């Protein structure tokens, strides 16, 4: 269902600029569902086929529950990236874009168009949910990697992944395209090995590690951005 970007009405007194501001909780208002329906209609009219679903979420969606008087709305779209059309469409309804989880640029995600074997196998699509259309319209590795380095900045950074495969793939692709590897790519932090040593268990999959820590699997397993988020949750227990 797409992204986790955040938008709010520009005139909403949310307290984001003052983290010490008290949170107002009021008795349940029967008008809240109607306010959501009205706003949902406006968003559908503005964005049309660009979105898949609009849901009323948060405490104001629960009948009879006292809540802060803010209608939380979840807008699902098929694409992970939030493009200008979505942002501008919501801006025309007086929403302001706050980025992923309210922090613009917090996450980086790009598909990469393969050049040597450009056609995805059915197994790859089944495993990752990535479609041929996704990669056909993507940029090749040199361009996507340059955007990644620009997003990451100079650092200092430590590259972490679950196992050593991602490191090996980065090094292979840099060599294949004649790209100088970033200095921070190594030494690499193998979180799979670290987790095994910390928990005194055999090396296991990311999903098994989440189960050991009693953490939920979020998103689609084997899809890069979702795996990165899940691995980051595990890393909090290790680093």
Protein backbone atom coordinates (compact mmCIF):
# COMPACT_ATOMS: atom_id res chain seq x y z
CA UNK A 1 0.00 0.00 0.00
CA UNK A 2 2.87 2.36 -0.65
CA UNK A 3 4.45 4.98 1.54
CA UNK A 4 4.58 6.18 5.12
CA UNK A 5 4.91 9.87 4.33
CA UNK A 6 3.16 12.31 6.64
CA UNK A 7 1.04 15.30 5.74
CA UNK A 8 -1.14 17.51 7.91
CA UNK A 9 -3.37 20.54 7.35
CA UNK A 10 -1.17 23.61 7.31
CA UNK A 11 -3.18 25.25 10.08
CA UNK A 12 -3.20 22.21 12.39
CA UNK A 13 -1.93 23.15 15.90
CA UNK A 14 -0.21 19.79 16.26
CA UNK A 15 2.46 20.81 18.73
CA UNK A 16 5.24 19.52 16.44
CA UNK A 17 7.12 22.80 16.78
CA UNK A 18 6.89 22.55 20.58
CA UNK A 19 7.48 19.00 21.83
CA UNK A 20 6.69 20.16 25.37
CA UNK A 21 3.21 21.34 24.43
CA UNK A 22 0.47 19.47 26.29
CA UNK A 23 -1.69 17.03 24.32
CA UNK A 24 -5.38 17.88 24.53
CA UNK A 25 -7.74 14.93 24.90
CA UNK A 26 -11.47 15.56 24.56
CA UNK A 27 -14.60 13.40 24.85
CA UNK A 28 -15.63 11.47 21.74
CA UNK A 29 -17.37 13.65 19.18
CA UNK A 30 -20.00 11.95 16.96
CA UNK A 31 -19.12 14.47 14.23
CA UNK A 32 -15.64 12.94 13.70
CA UNK A 33 -16.74 10.18 11.23
CA UNK A 34 -18.54 12.78 9.15
CA UNK A 35 -15.49 15.05 9.12
CA UNK A 36 -13.40 12.10 7.90
CA UNK A 37 -15.91 11.27 5.14
CA UNK A 38 -15.85 14.90 4.00
CA UNK A 39 -12.05 14.98 3.88
CA UNK A 40 -11.85 11.59 2.18
CA UNK A 41 -14.12 12.88 -0.59
CA UNK A 42 -11.89 15.91 -1.14
CA UNK A 43 -8.74 13.74 -1.36
CA UNK A 44 -10.36 11.29 -3.78
CA UNK A 45 -11.53 14.16 -5.96
CA UNK A 46 -8.03 15.64 -6.03
CA UNK A 47 -5.88 12.50 -6.42
CA UNK A 48 -8.28 10.11 -8.15
CA UNK A 49 -6.63 6.96 -9.51
CA UNK A 50 -3.27 7.79 -7.91
CA UNK A 51 -4.49 6.28 -4.64
CA UNK A 52 -5.90 2.89 -3.72
CA UNK A 53 -7.64 3.47 -0.41
CA UNK A 54 -8.29 6.05 2.31
CA UNK A 55 -8.83 4.95 5.90
CA UNK A 56 -9.83 6.69 9.11
CA UNK A 57 -7.17 5.64 11.65
CA UNK A 58 -6.11 6.64 15.12
CA UNK A 59 -8.15 7.25 18.25
CA UNK A 60 -10.83 9.41 16.60
CA UNK A 61 -11.82 6.38 14.50
CA UNK A 62 -12.92 4.45 17.60
CA UNK A 63 -16.51 5.23 18.56
CA UNK A 64 -16.90 6.39 22.14
CA UNK A 65 -13.16 6.83 22.82
CA UNK A 66 -11.80 10.12 24.16
CA UNK A 67 -9.05 11.40 21.88
CA UNK A 68 -7.03 14.38 20.75
CA UNK A 69 -9.29 16.28 18.32
CA UNK A 70 -7.27 15.52 15.17
CA UNK A 71 -8.63 13.29 12.39
CA UNK A 72 -5.83 10.90 11.31
CA UNK A 73 -6.17 9.74 7.70
CA UNK A 74 -4.17 6.96 6.03
CA UNK A 75 -3.89 7.30 2.25
CA UNK A 76 -2.60 4.20 0.46
CA UNK A 77 -0.91 4.39 -2.93
CA UNK A 78 0.68 1.64 -5.06
CA UNK A 79 4.06 3.34 -5.41
CA UNK A 80 6.59 3.67 -2.56
CA UNK A 81 7.95 7.04 -3.65
CA UNK A 82 5.88 10.17 -3.03
CA UNK A 83 6.08 12.28 -6.18
CA UNK A 84 5.30 15.93 -6.79
CA UNK A 85 1.80 15.21 -8.07
CA UNK A 86 0.80 13.66 -4.75
CA UNK A 87 2.46 16.41 -2.69
CA UNK A 88 1.03 19.21 -4.84
CA UNK A 89 -2.42 17.63 -4.85
CA UNK A 90 -2.54 17.52 -1.06
CA UNK A 91 -0.99 20.99 -0.82
CA UNK A 92 -3.93 22.32 -2.85
CA UNK A 93 -6.14 21.05 -0.01
CA UNK A 94 -3.98 22.99 2.50
CA UNK A 95 -1.93 19.97 3.65
CA UNK A 96 1.79 20.36 4.16
CA UNK A 97 4.31 17.61 3.40
CA UNK A 98 6.41 16.47 6.36
CA UNK A 99 8.27 13.55 4.75
CA UNK A 100 8.67 9.98 5.99
CA UNK A 101 7.47 9.77 9.60
CA UNK A 102 7.56 13.55 9.64
CA UNK A 103 11.29 13.64 8.79
CA UNK A 104 11.84 14.52 5.10
CA UNK A 105 14.49 12.35 3.43
CA UNK A 106 14.73 9.90 6.31
CA UNK A 107 14.46 6.90 3.99
CA UNK A 108 16.05 6.26 0.60
CA UNK A 109 14.66 3.73 -1.86
CA UNK A 110 15.30 3.16 -5.55
CA UNK A 111 14.69 0.33 -7.95
CA UNK A 112 17.67 -0.39 -10.24
CA UNK A 113 17.27 -1.33 -13.90
CA UNK A 114 19.34 -4.46 -14.65
CA UNK A 115 21.46 -4.28 -17.78
CA UNK A 116 23.03 -7.73 -18.20
CA UNK A 117 19.87 -9.74 -17.44
CA UNK A 118 17.05 -7.21 -17.88
CA UNK A 119 14.13 -9.66 -17.64
CA UNK A 120 13.00 -10.66 -14.16
CA UNK A 121 12.34 -14.32 -13.50
CA UNK A 122 8.94 -15.41 -12.14
CA UNK A 123 10.78 -16.57 -9.01
CA UNK A 124 12.22 -13.09 -8.41
CA UNK A 125 8.84 -11.43 -8.82
CA UNK A 126 7.19 -13.98 -6.54
CA UNK A 127 9.88 -13.58 -3.87
CA UNK A 128 10.10 -9.79 -3.83
CA UNK A 129 6.81 -8.58 -5.38
CA UNK A 130 8.96 -6.43 -7.74
CA UNK A 131 7.48 -6.31 -11.23
CA UNK A 132 9.09 -5.99 -14.64
CA UNK A 133 7.49 -2.56 -14.98
CA UNK A 134 9.17 -1.45 -11.73
CA UNK A 135 12.67 -2.12 -13.06
CA UNK A 136 12.00 -1.12 -16.68
CA UNK A 137 11.31 2.45 -15.62
CA UNK A 138 14.13 2.55 -13.06
CA UNK A 139 17.60 4.06 -13.47
CA UNK A 140 20.71 1.90 -14.03
CA UNK A 141 23.03 1.22 -11.10
CA UNK A 142 25.52 4.10 -11.66
CA UNK A 143 22.75 6.72 -11.56
CA UNK A 144 20.84 5.14 -8.67
CA UNK A 145 24.03 4.65 -6.64
CA UNK A 146 25.07 8.26 -7.24
CA UNK A 147 21.71 9.40 -5.87
CA UNK A 148 22.19 7.12 -2.87
CA UNK A 149 25.64 8.58 -2.12
CA UNK A 150 24.28 12.12 -2.45
CA UNK A 151 21.47 11.26 -0.02
CA UNK A 152 23.85 9.58 2.47
CA UNK A 153 26.34 12.46 2.49
CA UNK A 154 29.97 12.25 3.55
CA UNK A 155 29.33 10.51 6.85
CA UNK A 156 30.79 9.16 9.00
CA UNK A 157 28.71 6.02 8.32
CA UNK A 158 28.80 2.35 9.19
CA UNK A 159 27.29 0.00 6.62
CA UNK A 160 25.20 -2.72 8.28
CA UNK A 161 23.31 -5.59 6.69
CA UNK A 162 21.90 -9.00 7.54
CA UNK A 163 24.73 -11.28 6.48
CA UNK A 164 27.47 -10.44 3.97
CA UNK A 165 25.52 -10.74 0.70
CA UNK A 166 24.66 -7.03 0.38
CA UNK A 167 28.28 -6.00 0.90
CA UNK A 168 29.47 -8.47 -1.73
CA UNK A 169 26.81 -7.23 -4.17
CA UNK A 170 27.75 -3.58 -3.63
CA UNK A 171 31.44 -4.36 -4.23
CA UNK A 172 30.61 -6.42 -7.31
CA UNK A 173 28.41 -3.72 -8.85
CA UNK A 174 30.93 -0.96 -8.11
CA UNK A 175 33.67 -3.00 -9.80
CA UNK A 176 31.44 -3.91 -12.74
CA UNK A 177 30.59 -0.26 -13.46
CA UNK A 178 34.00 1.20 -12.64
CA UNK A 179 32.72 3.11 -9.61
CA UNK A 180 35.01 3.86 -6.68
CA UNK A 181 33.52 2.30 -3.60
CA UNK A 182 32.76 4.71 -0.74
CA UNK A 183 35.28 4.47 2.08
CA UNK A 184 32.58 3.79 4.66
CA UNK A 185 31.40 0.64 2.87
CA UNK A 186 34.06 -1.26 4.81
CA UNK A 187 34.57 -2.31 7.56
CA UNK A 188 31.10 -3.78 7.28
CA UNK A 189 28.86 -4.73 10.23
CA UNK A 190 27.40 -8.21 9.77
CA UNK A 191 24.31 -8.01 11.97
CA UNK A 192 23.44 -11.65 11.40
CA UNK A 193 26.75 -12.76 12.88
CA UNK A 194 26.52 -10.19 15.67
CA UNK A 195 22.98 -11.33 16.58
CA UNK A 196 24.12 -14.95 16.73
CA UNK A 197 26.94 -14.08 19.12
CA UNK A 198 24.81 -11.76 21.27
CA UNK A 199 21.91 -14.21 21.67
CA UNK A 200 24.06 -17.36 21.66
CA UNK A 201 22.00 -18.93 18.87
CA UNK A 202 22.95 -20.33 15.44
CA UNK A 203 23.02 -17.79 12.63
CA UNK A 204 19.43 -17.32 11.53
CA UNK A 205 17.25 -15.43 9.10
CA UNK A 206 15.99 -11.91 9.65
CA UNK A 207 12.46 -13.24 10.19
CA UNK A 208 13.69 -15.69 12.83
CA UNK A 209 15.56 -12.91 14.61
CA UNK A 210 12.40 -10.80 14.70
CA UNK A 211 10.54 -13.74 16.20
CA UNK A 212 13.22 -14.21 18.87
CA UNK A 213 12.92 -10.53 19.79
CA UNK A 214 9.11 -10.71 19.63
CA UNK A 215 9.03 -8.01 16.97
CA UNK A 216 6.52 -7.94 14.09
CA UNK A 217 7.58 -8.32 10.46
CA UNK A 218 6.55 -5.11 8.74
CA UNK A 219 5.94 -4.87 5.01
CA UNK A 220 6.98 -7.44 2.41
CA UNK A 221 9.92 -9.71 3.18
CA UNK A 222 12.72 -9.58 0.55
CA UNK A 223 11.66 -6.10 -0.59
CA UNK A 224 14.58 -3.78 0.06
CA UNK A 225 12.98 -0.87 1.89
CA UNK A 226 10.91 -3.15 4.13
CA UNK A 227 13.85 -5.42 4.93
CA UNK A 228 15.94 -2.35 5.80
CA UNK A 229 13.31 -1.14 8.26
CA UNK A 230 13.01 -4.55 9.88
CA UNK A 231 16.78 -4.94 10.13
CA UNK A 232 17.03 -1.48 11.69
CA UNK A 233 14.65 -2.63 14.45
CA UNK A 234 16.96 -5.56 15.18
CA UNK A 235 20.05 -3.32 15.06
CA UNK A 236 18.66 -1.24 17.93
CA UNK A 237 19.18 -4.26 20.18
CA UNK A 238 22.77 -4.77 19.00
CA UNK A 239 24.44 -1.41 18.41
